[in-house]
Amino acid sequence: DILRGCGLQAAVQEAAGWLGGGSSVLGRAQHVGPHPYATLTLFPGDERLKRRVPPIRTPFQAQAFCPDFNHHEDVHFSLDAAGAHALCSQHACVEVWHHPSRSLAAMAAAAATTTGGPAG
């Protein structure tokens, strides 16, 4: 289960500063909230197991500094010795991402095409 995210306002402000402060991708998100979604990777350190059990992704929520994901997903895979060892000895990785609006993503793609590099 992925239930809730918090601390996103500080994270968005930090990311905007890291991107140079005037980032158009995060400018609006700093004021009204990002469009967060979370990913859960059960076996981040083992590529073979990660292919068998791909990361789980929640739907994104619009403009939320403290999103209630309330996401449940069952994971089915055959548990062999490597999988059992990984479950007992490794860690899971949860990441929270910002889903930019389509208009901002389209502008960034157009800028990258025109300038020959990523927009920034």
Foldseek 3Di string as FASTA:
>chain_A
DDFKDAPQLVVLCVVCVVVPVPDPQSPVCNPQHFFKKKKKQLQVPDPVVCVQWPIDIFHTHPRDNMDTRPDDDDTDDDDDPVNVCRNVPHGMDMDMDGDGDPVVVVVQVVVCVVVVHTDD
